[in-house]
Amino acid sequence: MTKLLKSIIAFTIASSLAFPLAIPAAQAGENTPIGSWQTTSGESRYEITTCKSGKAICAKLVWLRSDARSSTNLKHLNKVILTGARPVQANKWRGSLNYAGERLSGSLTLINKNRLRLNGCNFVFCKTINFKRI
């Protein structure tokens, strides 16, 4: 399993970001995962937006560090990888991530306005990845 895939699993929710998360319109002072995020390892960056439906969050892989630019990882660059994650409680969303032909499930937790945690699982394999806002 590639280093990027492990990162994305933990992000899944958007993550995840499928990773691809429903968010009502943000009110003043409310924390939101919408924006640009980078793994704390610095190998990949994601743009989290509201999906077309307006009721979920999507995440797109937008950048890879040079040492993460494998042929497998480059296939996912500039692609939406996290879709359909919906809120389950304050600052937490659950959804699925489609990556390399695998469907993963997980949760995305906004720790604070600049920190995000993705916990993702594929059967018994689980991973956590931390992100910082950029």
Protein backbone atom coordinates (compact mmCIF):
# COMPACT_ATOMS: atom_id res chain seq x y z
CA MET A 1 0.00 0.00 0.00
CA THR A 2 1.49 3.33 -1.03
CA LYS A 3 2.30 6.07 1.43
CA LEU A 4 -0.25 8.32 -0.28
CA LEU A 5 -2.97 5.67 -0.06
CA LYS A 6 -2.32 5.32 3.66
CA SER A 7 -2.60 9.10 3.94
CA ILE A 8 -5.85 9.13 2.04
CA ILE A 9 -7.31 6.27 4.07
CA ALA A 10 -6.75 8.24 7.21
CA PHE A 11 -8.20 11.35 5.60
CA THR A 12 -11.41 9.65 4.65
CA ILE A 13 -13.15 11.08 5.73
CA ALA A 14 -12.23 13.16 3.73
CA SER A 15 -12.14 13.36 4.40
CA SER A 16 -11.24 11.78 3.15
CA LEU A 17 -11.11 13.38 0.81
CA ALA A 18 -13.18 11.26 -0.50
CA PHE A 19 -12.02 11.28 2.42
CA PRO A 20 -14.63 13.02 -0.56
CA LEU A 21 -19.63 15.52 4.36
CA ALA A 22 -22.69 17.73 4.55
CA ILE A 23 -22.23 21.22 5.88
CA PRO A 24 -24.91 23.82 6.30
CA ALA A 25 -23.81 27.32 5.41
CA ALA A 26 -21.11 28.33 7.87
CA GLN A 27 -22.11 30.95 10.38
CA ALA A 28 -19.75 33.63 11.61
CA GLY A 29 -17.14 32.09 13.92
CA GLU A 30 -18.13 28.52 13.05
CA ASN A 31 -15.34 26.06 12.26
CA THR A 32 -15.48 24.43 8.85
CA PRO A 33 -13.23 21.99 6.99
CA ILE A 34 -13.80 23.88 3.71
CA GLY A 35 -10.42 25.03 2.41
CA SER A 36 -6.89 23.86 1.61
CA TRP A 37 -5.22 21.16 3.71
CA GLN A 38 -1.86 19.42 3.76
CA THR A 39 -0.88 16.20 5.48
CA THR A 40 1.37 16.93 8.44
CA SER A 41 4.05 14.86 6.66
CA GLY A 42 3.82 17.39 3.81
CA GLU A 43 3.53 14.84 1.00
CA SER A 44 0.09 15.77 -0.32
CA ARG A 45 -2.44 18.61 -0.37
CA TYR A 46 -6.22 18.56 -0.72
CA GLU A 47 -8.93 21.09 -1.45
CA ILE A 48 -12.12 20.47 0.53
CA THR A 49 -15.28 21.99 -0.92
CA THR A 50 -19.02 21.58 -0.68
CA CYS A 51 -20.13 19.00 -3.26
CA LYS A 52 -22.51 19.95 -6.06
CA SER A 53 -25.48 18.78 -3.98
CA GLY A 54 -24.60 21.37 -1.34
CA LYS A 55 -25.27 18.79 1.37
CA ALA A 56 -21.95 16.97 1.43
CA ILE A 57 -18.23 17.69 1.37
CA CYS A 58 -15.85 16.65 -1.38
CA ALA A 59 -12.05 16.56 -1.38
CA LYS A 60 -9.74 16.77 -4.35
CA LEU A 61 -6.07 15.80 -4.36
CA VAL A 62 -4.40 18.95 -5.73
CA TRP A 63 -0.66 18.56 -5.09
CA LEU A 64 1.99 15.91 -4.47
CA ARG A 65 5.50 16.45 -3.17
CA SER A 66 8.16 15.24 -5.63
CA ASP A 67 8.94 12.06 -3.65
CA ALA A 68 5.20 11.15 -3.62
CA ARG A 69 4.81 11.48 -7.40
CA SER A 70 4.61 7.80 -8.29
CA SER A 71 2.68 6.64 -11.35
CA THR A 72 -0.04 5.30 -9.05
CA ASN A 73 -0.39 8.54 -7.09
CA LEU A 74 -0.27 10.77 -10.17
CA LYS A 75 -3.40 9.02 -11.52
CA HIS A 76 -5.35 10.64 -8.66
CA LEU A 77 -3.88 14.13 -8.91
CA ASN A 78 -6.59 16.75 -9.56
CA LYS A 79 -9.32 14.15 -9.05
CA VAL A 80 -12.10 14.21 -6.49
CA ILE A 81 -11.37 11.34 -4.16
CA LEU A 82 -13.75 12.00 -1.26
CA THR A 83 -17.48 12.45 -1.77
CA GLY A 84 -20.67 12.08 0.21
CA ALA A 85 -19.39 12.60 3.74
CA ARG A 86 -22.13 13.93 5.99
CA PRO A 87 -22.08 15.41 9.49
CA VAL A 88 -22.72 13.01 12.35
CA GLN A 89 -22.03 15.42 15.22
CA ALA A 90 -20.39 18.80 15.78
CA ASN A 91 -17.15 18.99 13.78
CA LYS A 92 -17.33 15.34 12.66
CA TRP A 93 -18.36 13.79 9.32
CA ARG A 94 -18.58 10.23 8.02
CA GLY A 95 -18.27 9.19 4.43
CA SER A 96 -16.46 7.07 1.91
CA LEU A 97 -13.41 7.41 -0.24
CA ASN A 98 -12.85 5.86 -3.62
CA TYR A 99 -9.18 5.37 -4.30
CA ALA A 100 -7.32 2.94 -6.56
CA GLY A 101 -10.50 0.95 -7.08
CA GLU A 102 -11.11 0.51 -3.35
CA ARG A 103 -13.99 1.93 -1.35
CA LEU A 104 -12.94 2.93 2.15
CA SER A 105 -14.99 4.23 5.07
CA GLY A 106 -14.06 6.57 7.82
CA SER A 107 -14.54 9.77 9.73
CA LEU A 108 -13.21 13.29 9.42
CA THR A 109 -12.86 15.33 12.62
CA LEU A 110 -12.13 19.04 12.71
CA ILE A 111 -9.92 19.37 15.80
CA ASN A 112 -9.79 23.16 15.53
CA LYS A 113 -9.92 25.65 12.67
CA ASN A 114 -6.40 24.67 11.55
CA ARG A 115 -6.20 20.94 12.37
CA LEU A 116 -8.09 18.03 10.84
CA ARG A 117 -7.92 14.28 11.56
CA LEU A 118 -8.97 11.49 9.24
CA ASN A 119 -9.61 7.97 10.49
CA GLY A 120 -10.17 5.45 7.73
CA CYS A 121 -10.67 1.72 7.57
CA ASN A 122 -10.75 -0.96 4.91
CA PHE A 123 -11.94 -4.14 6.64
CA VAL A 124 -9.47 -4.60 9.53
CA PHE A 125 -6.80 -2.17 8.31
CA CYS A 126 -7.26 1.26 9.88
CA LYS A 127 -5.13 4.38 9.70
CA THR A 128 -5.18 7.91 11.09
CA ILE A 129 -3.76 10.90 9.22
CA ASN A 130 -3.49 14.43 10.51
CA PHE A 131 -3.78 17.56 8.37
CA LYS A 132 -3.01 21.22 8.81
CA ARG A 133 -4.73 24.08 7.05
CA ILE A 134 -2.60 25.86 4.45
